[in-house]
């Protein structure tokens, strides 16, 4: 017997909770990465690294039958949030010399 719409929506809600938890964990790690970059005098963002991440998303999405466009969209949203958080960390923790 096929699940009804309520059951399917409940499954989606459970998955959404897991996705949010994983994204929150990813952002916590990205925050730590920003600290490490700042301590080692690296820039907060690398276009080359961004391309590598997008490429990795393409590969991961191919494995689960998501399109290249869907992979790009997912990567763009996650990277945008991560980039903004890291930029904010760098600006907030700027050392001022007088």
PDB file of N, CA and C in Angstrom:
ATOM      1  N   UNK A   1       0.837  -1.186   0.000  1.00  0.00           N
ATOM      2  CA  UNK A   1       0.000   0.000   0.000  1.00  0.00           C
ATOM      3  C   UNK A   1       0.883   1.252   0.000  1.00  0.00           C
ATOM      4  N   UNK A   2       0.540   2.171  -0.838  1.00  0.00           N
ATOM      5  CA  UNK A   2       1.305   3.405  -0.971  1.00  0.00           C
ATOM      6  C   UNK A   2       1.035   4.337   0.215  1.00  0.00           C
ATOM      7  N   UNK A   3       2.110   5.003   0.754  1.00  0.00           N
ATOM      8  CA  UNK A   3       1.889   5.944   1.864  1.00  0.00           C
ATOM      9  C   UNK A   3       0.992   7.100   1.428  1.00  0.00           C
ATOM     10  N   UNK A   4       0.215   7.610   2.382  1.00  0.00           N
ATOM     11  CA  UNK A   4      -0.640   8.752   2.035  1.00  0.00           C
ATOM     12  C   UNK A   4       0.166  10.048   2.130  1.00  0.00           C
ATOM     13  N   UNK A   5      -0.446  11.149   1.746  1.00  0.00           N
ATOM     14  CA  UNK A   5       0.276  12.419   1.691  1.00  0.00           C
ATOM     15  C   UNK A   5       0.775  12.864   3.065  1.00  0.00           C
ATOM     16  N   UNK A   6       0.014  12.619   4.111  1.00  0.00           N
ATOM     17  CA  UNK A   6       0.450  12.999   5.463  1.00  0.00           C
ATOM     18  C   UNK A   6       1.711  12.233   5.863  1.00  0.00           C
ATOM     19  N   UNK A   7       1.731  10.939   5.566  1.00  0.00           N
ATOM     20  CA  UNK A   7       2.901  10.126   5.884  1.00  0.00           C
ATOM     21  C   UNK A   7       4.124  10.604   5.093  1.00  0.00           C
ATOM     22  N   UNK A   8       3.919  10.927   3.851  1.00  0.00           N
ATOM     23  CA  UNK A   8       5.018  11.411   3.018  1.00  0.00           C
ATOM     24  C   UNK A   8       5.537  12.760   3.518  1.00  0.00           C
ATOM     25  N   UNK A   9       4.618  13.621   3.916  1.00  0.00           N
ATOM     26  CA  UNK A   9       5.020  14.930   4.461  1.00  0.00           C
ATOM     27  C   UNK A   9       5.798  14.760   5.769  1.00  0.00           C
ATOM     28  N   UNK A  10       5.394  13.813   6.589  1.00  0.00           N
ATOM     29  CA  UNK A  10       6.122  13.540   7.834  1.00  0.00           C
ATOM     30  C   UNK A  10       7.543  13.076   7.532  1.00  0.00           C
ATOM     31  N   UNK A  11       7.689  12.232   6.523  1.00  0.00           N
ATOM     32  CA  UNK A  11       9.024  11.777   6.119  1.00  0.00           C
ATOM     33  C   UNK A  11       9.881  12.969   5.669  1.00  0.00           C
ATOM     34  N   UNK A  12       9.278  13.859   4.889  1.00  0.00           N
ATOM     35  CA  UNK A  12       9.995  15.040   4.415  1.00  0.00           C
ATOM     36  C   UNK A  12      10.396  15.927   5.588  1.00  0.00           C
ATOM     37  N   UNK A  13       9.497  16.117   6.557  1.00  0.00           N
ATOM     38  CA  UNK A  13       9.807  16.936   7.735  1.00  0.00           C
ATOM     39  C   UNK A  13      10.987  16.357   8.510  1.00  0.00           C
ATOM     40  N   UNK A  14      11.027  15.054   8.656  1.00  0.00           N
ATOM     41  CA  UNK A  14      12.138  14.392   9.354  1.00  0.00           C
ATOM     42  C   UNK A  14      13.446  14.625   8.607  1.00  0.00           C
ATOM     43  N   UNK A  15      13.403  14.486   7.305  1.00  0.00           N
ATOM     44  CA  UNK A  15      14.594  14.716   6.485  1.00  0.00           C
ATOM     45  C   UNK A  15      15.013  16.177   6.559  1.00  0.00           C
ATOM     46  N   UNK A  16      14.052  17.093   6.525  1.00  0.00           N
ATOM     47  CA  UNK A  16      14.368  18.524   6.636  1.00  0.00           C
ATOM     48  C   UNK A  16      15.103  18.827   7.946  1.00  0.00           C
ATOM     49  N   UNK A  17      14.662  18.200   9.046  1.00  0.00           N
ATOM     50  CA  UNK A  17      15.338  18.390  10.333  1.00  0.00           C
ATOM     51  C   UNK A  17      16.787  17.919  10.252  1.00  0.00           C
ATOM     52  N   UNK A  18      16.998  16.782   9.601  1.00  0.00           N
ATOM     53  CA  UNK A  18      18.349  16.245   9.457  1.00  0.00           C
ATOM     54  C   UNK A  18      19.206  17.171   8.591  1.00  0.00           C
ATOM     55  N   UNK A  19      18.626  17.687   7.521  1.00  0.00           N
ATOM     56  CA  UNK A  19      19.351  18.603   6.635  1.00  0.00           C
ATOM     57  C   UNK A  19      19.786  19.850   7.404  1.00  0.00           C
ATOM     58  N   UNK A  20      18.863  20.434   8.170  1.00  0.00           N
ATOM     59  CA  UNK A  20      19.181  21.640   8.941  1.00  0.00           C
ATOM     60  C   UNK A  20      20.274  21.343   9.954  1.00  0.00           C
ATOM     61  N   UNK A  21      20.179  20.213  10.644  1.00  0.00           N
ATOM     62  CA  UNK A  21      21.224  19.843  11.605  1.00  0.00           C
ATOM     63  C   UNK A  21      22.582  19.717  10.920  1.00  0.00           C
ATOM     64  N   UNK A  22      22.606  19.086   9.770  1.00  0.00           N
ATOM     65  CA  UNK A  22      23.868  18.914   9.043  1.00  0.00           C
ATOM     66  C   UNK A  22      24.415  20.245   8.540  1.00  0.00           C
ATOM     67  N   UNK A  23      23.544  21.105   8.048  1.00  0.00           N
ATOM     68  CA  UNK A  23      23.993  22.420   7.581  1.00  0.00           C
ATOM     69  C   UNK A  23      24.526  23.235   8.761  1.00  0.00           C
ATOM     70  N   UNK A  24      23.851  23.176   9.903  1.00  0.00           N
ATOM     71  CA  UNK A  24      24.324  23.892  11.093  1.00  0.00           C
ATOM     72  C   UNK A  24      25.712  23.389  11.498  1.00  0.00           C
ATOM     73  N   UNK A  25      25.914  22.093  11.469  1.00  0.00           N
ATOM     74  CA  UNK A  25      27.228  21.521  11.789  1.00  0.00           C
ATOM     75  C   UNK A  25      28.268  21.978  10.780  1.00  0.00           C
ATOM     76  N   UNK A  26      27.898  21.992   9.506  1.00  0.00           N
ATOM     77  CA  UNK A  26      28.821  22.455   8.464  1.00  0.00           C
ATOM     78  C   UNK A  26      29.214  23.906   8.713  1.00  0.00           C
ATOM     79  N   UNK A  27      28.269  24.738   9.097  1.00  0.00           N
ATOM     80  CA  UNK A  27      28.552  26.150   9.337  1.00  0.00           C
ATOM     81  C   UNK A  27      29.444  26.337  10.566  1.00  0.00           C
ATOM     82  N   UNK A  28      29.244  25.516  11.588  1.00  0.00           N
ATOM     83  CA  UNK A  28      30.121  25.582  12.760  1.00  0.00           C
ATOM     84  C   UNK A  28      31.561  25.270  12.361  1.00  0.00           C
ATOM     85  N   UNK A  29      31.728  24.267  11.503  1.00  0.00           N
ATOM     86  CA  UNK A  29      33.065  23.917  11.022  1.00  0.00           C
ATOM     87  C   UNK A  29      33.614  25.034  10.136  1.00  0.00           C
ATOM     88  N   UNK A  30      32.764  25.633   9.315  1.00  0.00           N
ATOM     89  CA  UNK A  30      33.195  26.759   8.471  1.00  0.00           C
ATOM     90  C   UNK A  30      33.629  27.936   9.335  1.00  0.00           C
ATOM     91  N   UNK A  31      32.958  28.146  10.472  1.00  0.00           N
ATOM     92  CA  UNK A  31      33.367  29.206  11.402  1.00  0.00           C
ATOM     93  C   UNK A  31      34.769  28.914  11.945  1.00  0.00           C
ATOM     94  N   UNK A  32      35.017  27.673  12.297  1.00  0.00           N
ATOM     95  CA  UNK A  32      36.352  27.289  12.770  1.00  0.00           C
ATOM     96  C   UNK A  32      37.390  27.466  11.667  1.00  0.00           C
ATOM     97  N   UNK A  33      36.989  27.145  10.441  1.00  0.00           N
ATOM     98  CA  UNK A  33      37.883  27.333   9.297  1.00  0.00           C
ATOM     99  C   UNK A  33      38.229  28.804   9.126  1.00  0.00           C
ATOM    100  N   UNK A  34      37.255  29.679   9.295  1.00  0.00           N
ATOM    101  CA  UNK A  34      37.504  31.121   9.190  1.00  0.00           C
ATOM    102  C   UNK A  34      38.530  31.548  10.238  1.00  0.00           C
ATOM    103  N   UNK A  35      38.398  31.041  11.450  1.00  0.00           N
ATOM    104  CA  UNK A  35      39.366  31.374  12.507  1.00  0.00           C
ATOM    105  C   UNK A  35      40.762  30.907  12.121  1.00  0.00           C
ATOM    106  N   UNK A  36      40.848  29.675  11.614  1.00  0.00           N
ATOM    107  CA  UNK A  36      42.150  29.121  11.218  1.00  0.00           C
ATOM    108  C   UNK A  36      42.754  29.927  10.066  1.00  0.00           C
ATOM    109  N   UNK A  37      41.918  30.318   9.107  1.00  0.00           N
ATOM    110  CA  UNK A  37      42.403  31.133   7.986  1.00  0.00           C
ATOM    111  C   UNK A  37      42.936  32.468   8.485  1.00  0.00           C
ATOM    112  N   UNK A  38      42.198  33.086   9.381  1.00  0.00           N
ATOM    113  CA  UNK A  38      42.613  34.389   9.902  1.00  0.00           C
ATOM    114  C   UNK A  38      43.935  34.263  10.656  1.00  0.00           C
ATOM    115  N   UNK A  39      44.058  33.236  11.480  1.00  0.00           N
ATOM    116  CA  UNK A  39      45.285  33.037  12.252  1.00  0.00           C
ATOM    117  C   UNK A  39      46.490  32.784  11.350  1.00  0.00           C
ATOM    118  N   UNK A  40      46.253  32.162  10.191  1.00  0.00           N
ATOM    119  CA  UNK A  40      47.373  31.878   9.283  1.00  0.00           C
ATOM    120  C   UNK A  40      47.466  32.908   8.158  1.00  0.00           C
ATOM    121  N   UNK A  41      46.775  34.038   8.333  1.00  0.00           N
ATOM    122  CA  UNK A  41      46.824  35.170   7.388  1.00  0.00           C
ATOM    123  C   UNK A  41      46.368  34.809   5.974  1.00  0.00           C
ATOM    124  N   UNK A  42      45.417  33.906   5.880  1.00  0.00           N
ATOM    125  CA  UNK A  42      44.840  33.572   4.577  1.00  0.00           C
ATOM    126  C   UNK A  42      43.623  34.455   4.328  1.00  0.00           C
ATOM    127  N   UNK A  43      43.261  34.579   3.062  1.00  0.00           N
ATOM    128  CA  UNK A  43      42.028  35.273   2.705  1.00  0.00           C
ATOM    129  C   UNK A  43      40.846  34.429   3.189  1.00  0.00           C
ATOM    130  N   UNK A  44      39.711  35.104   3.440  1.00  0.00           N
ATOM    131  CA  UNK A  44      38.555  34.344   3.942  1.00  0.00           C
ATOM    132  C   UNK A  44      37.891  33.517   2.861  1.00  0.00           C
ATOM    133  N   UNK A  45      38.146  33.837   1.569  1.00  0.00           N
ATOM    134  CA  UNK A  45      37.472  33.097   0.507  1.00  0.00           C
ATOM    135  C   UNK A  45      38.407  32.877  -0.660  1.00  0.00           C
ATOM    136  N   UNK A  46      38.304  31.711  -1.260  1.00  0.00           N
ATOM    137  CA  UNK A  46      39.129  31.345  -2.407  1.00  0.00           C
ATOM    138  C   UNK A  46      38.215  30.909  -3.545  1.00  0.00           C
ATOM    139  N   UNK A  47      38.302  31.619  -4.657  1.00  0.00           N
ATOM    140  CA  UNK A  47      37.486  31.262  -5.824  1.00  0.00           C
ATOM    141  C   UNK A  47      37.841  29.862  -6.314  1.00  0.00           C
ATOM    142  N   UNK A  48      39.103  29.510  -6.226  1.00  0.00           N
ATOM    143  CA  UNK A  48      39.538  28.178  -6.652  1.00  0.00           C
ATOM    144  C   UNK A  48      38.910  27.094  -5.781  1.00  0.00           C
ATOM    145  N   UNK A  49      38.915  27.314  -4.462  1.00  0.00           N
ATOM    146  CA  UNK A  49      38.310  26.346  -3.539  1.00  0.00           C
ATOM    147  C   UNK A  49      36.796  26.267  -3.780  1.00  0.00           C
ATOM    148  N   UNK A  50      36.180  27.407  -4.070  1.00  0.00           N
ATOM    149  CA  UNK A  50      34.746  27.411  -4.374  1.00  0.00           C
ATOM    150  C   UNK A  50      34.447  26.540  -5.597  1.00  0.00           C
ATOM    151  N   UNK A  51      35.269  26.667  -6.630  1.00  0.00           N
ATOM    152  CA  UNK A  51      35.077  25.829  -7.832  1.00  0.00           C
ATOM    153  C   UNK A  51      35.229  24.347  -7.489  1.00  0.00           C
ATOM    154  N   UNK A  52      36.198  24.032  -6.611  1.00  0.00           N
ATOM    155  CA  UNK A  52      36.392  22.634  -6.207  1.00  0.00           C
ATOM    156  C   UNK A  52      35.161  22.101  -5.475  1.00  0.00           C
ATOM    157  N   UNK A  53      34.591  22.919  -4.598  1.00  0.00           N
ATOM    158  CA  UNK A  53      33.401  22.494  -3.845  1.00  0.00           C
ATOM    159  C   UNK A  53      32.230  22.271  -4.799  1.00  0.00           C
ATOM    160  N   UNK A  54      32.020  23.194  -5.729  1.00  0.00           N
ATOM    161  CA  UNK A  54      30.920  23.044  -6.694  1.00  0.00           C
ATOM    162  C   UNK A  54      31.118  21.784  -7.526  1.00  0.00           C
ATOM    163  N   UNK A  55      32.357  21.535  -7.944  1.00  0.00           N
ATOM    164  CA  UNK A  55      32.652  20.318  -8.697  1.00  0.00           C
ATOM    165  C   UNK A  55      32.344  19.073  -7.869  1.00  0.00           C
ATOM    166  N   UNK A  56      32.699  19.107  -6.583  1.00  0.00           N
ATOM    167  CA  UNK A  56      32.410  17.975  -5.699  1.00  0.00           C
ATOM    168  C   UNK A  56      30.900  17.767  -5.570  1.00  0.00           C
ATOM    169  N   UNK A  57      30.146  18.868  -5.470  1.00  0.00           N
ATOM    170  CA  UNK A  57      28.684  18.751  -5.410  1.00  0.00           C
ATOM    171  C   UNK A  57      28.141  18.122  -6.692  1.00  0.00           C
ATOM    172  N   UNK A  58      28.694  18.508  -7.838  1.00  0.00           N
ATOM    173  CA  UNK A  58      28.258  17.896  -9.101  1.00  0.00           C
ATOM    174  C   UNK A  58      28.458  16.384  -9.055  1.00  0.00           C
ATOM    175  N   UNK A  59      29.634  15.966  -8.607  1.00  0.00           N
ATOM    176  CA  UNK A  59      29.930  14.535  -8.538  1.00  0.00           C
ATOM    177  C   UNK A  59      28.997  13.819  -7.565  1.00  0.00           C
ATOM    178  N   UNK A  60      28.799  14.411  -6.391  1.00  0.00           N
ATOM    179  CA  UNK A  60      27.921  13.789  -5.392  1.00  0.00           C
ATOM    180  C   UNK A  60      26.486  13.686  -5.903  1.00  0.00           C
ATOM    181  N   UNK A  61      26.022  14.723  -6.586  1.00  0.00           N
ATOM    182  CA  UNK A  61      24.650  14.715  -7.088  1.00  0.00           C
ATOM    183  C   UNK A  61      24.465  13.726  -8.226  1.00  0.00           C
ATOM    184  N   UNK A  62      25.507  13.539  -9.035  1.00  0.00           N
ATOM    185  CA  UNK A  62      25.428  12.530 -10.104  1.00  0.00           C
ATOM    186  C   UNK A  62      25.192  11.150  -9.508  1.00  0.00           C
ATOM    187  N   UNK A  63      25.841  10.882  -8.365  1.00  0.00           N
ATOM    188  CA  UNK A  63      25.729   9.570  -7.726  1.00  0.00           C
ATOM    189  C   UNK A  63      24.315   9.272  -7.247  1.00  0.00           C
ATOM    190  N   UNK A  64      23.523  10.318  -7.005  1.00  0.00           N
ATOM    191  CA  UNK A  64      22.159  10.113  -6.499  1.00  0.00           C
ATOM    192  C   UNK A  64      21.102  10.628  -7.478  1.00  0.00           C
ATOM    193  N   UNK A  65      21.487  10.778  -8.719  1.00  0.00           N
ATOM    194  CA  UNK A  65      20.567  11.147  -9.800  1.00  0.00           C
ATOM    195  C   UNK A  65      19.935  12.530  -9.653  1.00  0.00           C
ATOM    196  N   UNK A  66      20.694  13.499  -9.101  1.00  0.00           N
ATOM    197  CA  UNK A  66      20.261  14.895  -9.137  1.00  0.00           C
ATOM    198  C   UNK A  66      20.987  15.554 -10.308  1.00  0.00           C
ATOM    199  N   UNK A  67      20.353  16.506 -10.922  1.00  0.00           N
ATOM    200  CA  UNK A  67      20.932  17.127 -12.110  1.00  0.00           C
ATOM    201  C   UNK A  67      22.098  18.045 -11.758  1.00  0.00           C
ATOM    202  N   UNK A  68      22.875  18.387 -12.762  1.00  0.00           N
ATOM    203  CA  UNK A  68      23.988  19.328 -12.576  1.00  0.00           C
ATOM    204  C   UNK A  68      23.461  20.682 -12.113  1.00  0.00           C
ATOM    205  N   UNK A  69      22.318  21.098 -12.649  1.00  0.00           N
ATOM    206  CA  UNK A  69      21.727  22.372 -12.241  1.00  0.00           C
ATOM    207  C   UNK A  69      21.287  22.320 -10.777  1.00  0.00           C
ATOM    208  N   UNK A  70      20.713  21.207 -10.364  1.00  0.00           N
ATOM    209  CA  UNK A  70      20.317  21.064  -8.953  1.00  0.00           C
ATOM    210  C   UNK A  70      21.548  21.080  -8.050  1.00  0.00           C
ATOM    211  N   UNK A  71      22.609  20.432  -8.478  1.00  0.00           N
ATOM    212  CA  UNK A  71      23.864  20.430  -7.714  1.00  0.00           C
ATOM    213  C   UNK A  71      24.401  21.842  -7.575  1.00  0.00           C
ATOM    214  N   UNK A  72      24.376  22.599  -8.660  1.00  0.00           N
ATOM    215  CA  UNK A  72      24.872  23.978  -8.642  1.00  0.00           C
ATOM    216  C   UNK A  72      24.045  24.822  -7.682  1.00  0.00           C
ATOM    217  N   UNK A  73      22.722  24.663  -7.738  1.00  0.00           N
ATOM    218  CA  UNK A  73      21.840  25.444  -6.861  1.00  0.00           C
ATOM    219  C   UNK A  73      22.099  25.130  -5.388  1.00  0.00           C
ATOM    220  N   UNK A  74      22.238  23.862  -5.068  1.00  0.00           N
ATOM    221  CA  UNK A  74      22.505  23.458  -3.685  1.00  0.00           C
ATOM    222  C   UNK A  74      23.838  24.048  -3.227  1.00  0.00           C
ATOM    223  N   UNK A  75      24.863  23.883  -4.048  1.00  0.00           N
ATOM    224  CA  UNK A  75      26.193  24.399  -3.699  1.00  0.00           C
ATOM    225  C   UNK A  75      26.166  25.912  -3.530  1.00  0.00           C
ATOM    226  N   UNK A  76      25.493  26.614  -4.426  1.00  0.00           N
ATOM    227  CA  UNK A  76      25.455  28.075  -4.351  1.00  0.00           C
ATOM    228  C   UNK A  76      24.823  28.566  -3.052  1.00  0.00           C
ATOM    229  N   UNK A  77      23.735  27.941  -2.640  1.00  0.00           N
ATOM    230  CA  UNK A  77      23.062  28.367  -1.407  1.00  0.00           C
ATOM    231  C   UNK A  77      23.963  28.119  -0.198  1.00  0.00           C
ATOM    232  N   UNK A  78      24.531  26.938  -0.103  1.00  0.00           N
ATOM    233  CA  UNK A  78      25.367  26.608   1.046  1.00  0.00           C
ATOM    234  C   UNK A  78      26.628  27.461   1.054  1.00  0.00           C
ATOM    235  N   UNK A  79      27.250  27.637  -0.117  1.00  0.00           N
ATOM    236  CA  UNK A  79      28.470  28.442  -0.181  1.00  0.00           C
ATOM    237  C   UNK A  79      28.195  29.915   0.100  1.00  0.00           C
ATOM    238  N   UNK A  80      27.059  30.407  -0.325  1.00  0.00           N
ATOM    239  CA  UNK A  80      26.714  31.810  -0.058  1.00  0.00           C
ATOM    240  C   UNK A  80      26.633  32.054   1.448  1.00  0.00           C
ATOM    241  N   UNK A  81      25.969  31.150   2.157  1.00  0.00           N
ATOM    242  CA  UNK A  81      25.846  31.288   3.605  1.00  0.00           C
ATOM    243  C   UNK A  81      27.228  31.198   4.262  1.00  0.00           C
ATOM    244  N   UNK A  82      28.006  30.215   3.857  1.00  0.00           N
ATOM    245  CA  UNK A  82      29.330  30.018   4.430  1.00  0.00           C
ATOM    246  C   UNK A  82      30.230  31.219   4.156  1.00  0.00           C
ATOM    247  N   UNK A  83      30.203  31.705   2.936  1.00  0.00           N
ATOM    248  CA  UNK A  83      31.032  32.854   2.550  1.00  0.00           C
ATOM    249  C   UNK A  83      30.658  34.085   3.372  1.00  0.00           C
ATOM    250  N   UNK A  84      29.377  34.318   3.553  1.00  0.00           N
ATOM    251  CA  UNK A  84      28.914  35.482   4.316  1.00  0.00           C
ATOM    252  C   UNK A  84      29.336  35.361   5.782  1.00  0.00           C
ATOM    253  N   UNK A  85      29.218  34.190   6.346  1.00  0.00           N
ATOM    254  CA  UNK A  85      29.618  33.984   7.741  1.00  0.00           C
ATOM    255  C   UNK A  85      31.117  34.214   7.910  1.00  0.00           C
ATOM    256  N   UNK A  86      31.904  33.682   6.977  1.00  0.00           N
ATOM    257  CA  UNK A  86      33.350  33.858   7.071  1.00  0.00           C
ATOM    258  C   UNK A  86      33.741  35.327   6.858  1.00  0.00           C
ATOM    259  N   UNK A  87      33.103  35.991   5.912  1.00  0.00           N
ATOM    260  CA  UNK A  87      33.373  37.411   5.677  1.00  0.00           C
ATOM    261  C   UNK A  87      33.036  38.215   6.929  1.00  0.00           C
ATOM    262  N   UNK A  88      31.898  37.897   7.533  1.00  0.00           N
ATOM    263  CA  UNK A  88      31.480  38.596   8.748  1.00  0.00           C
ATOM    264  C   UNK A  88      32.496  38.372   9.872  1.00  0.00           C
ATOM    265  N   UNK A  89      32.978  37.140  10.008  1.00  0.00           N
ATOM    266  CA  UNK A  89      33.972  36.841  11.039  1.00  0.00           C
ATOM    267  C   UNK A  89      35.231  37.677  10.804  1.00  0.00           C
ATOM    268  N   UNK A  90      35.687  37.742   9.575  1.00  0.00           N
ATOM    269  CA  UNK A  90      36.905  38.500   9.265  1.00  0.00           C
ATOM    270  C   UNK A  90      36.703  39.983   9.548  1.00  0.00           C
ATOM    271  N   UNK A  91      35.555  40.512   9.205  1.00  0.00           N
ATOM    272  CA  UNK A  91      35.304  41.937   9.443  1.00  0.00           C
ATOM    273  C   UNK A  91      35.140  42.234  10.932  1.00  0.00           C
ATOM    274  N   UNK A  92      34.457  41.359  11.630  1.00  0.00           N
ATOM    275  CA  UNK A  92      34.182  41.556  13.053  1.00  0.00           C
ATOM    276  C   UNK A  92      35.463  41.459  13.881  1.00  0.00           C
ATOM    277  N   UNK A  93      36.405  40.654  13.432  1.00  0.00           N
ATOM    278  CA  UNK A  93      37.626  40.412  14.202  1.00  0.00           C
ATOM    279  C   UNK A  93      38.839  41.098  13.585  1.00  0.00           C
ATOM    280  N   UNK A  94      38.594  42.184  12.903  1.00  0.00           N
ATOM    281  CA  UNK A  94      39.679  42.945  12.296  1.00  0.00           C
ATOM    282  C   UNK A  94      40.470  43.648  13.400  1.00  0.00           C
ATOM    283  N   UNK A  95      41.768  43.583  13.291  1.00  0.00           N
ATOM    284  CA  UNK A  95      42.619  44.271  14.258  1.00  0.00           C
ATOM    285  C   UNK A  95      42.905  45.673  13.719  1.00  0.00           C
ATOM    286  N   UNK A  96      42.652  46.651  14.542  1.00  0.00           N
ATOM    287  CA  UNK A  96      42.872  48.038  14.146  1.00  0.00           C
ATOM    288  C   UNK A  96      44.160  48.551  14.794  1.00  0.00           C
ATOM    289  N   UNK A  97      45.009  49.139  13.973  1.00  0.00           N
ATOM    290  CA  UNK A  97      46.253  49.739  14.480  1.00  0.00           C
ATOM    291  C   UNK A  97      46.106  51.236  14.428  1.00  0.00           C
ATOM    292  N   UNK A  98      46.405  51.892  15.526  1.00  0.00           N
ATOM    293  CA  UNK A  98      46.274  53.354  15.583  1.00  0.00           C
ATOM    294  C   UNK A  98      47.638  53.974  15.736  1.00  0.00           C
TER     295      UNK A  98
END
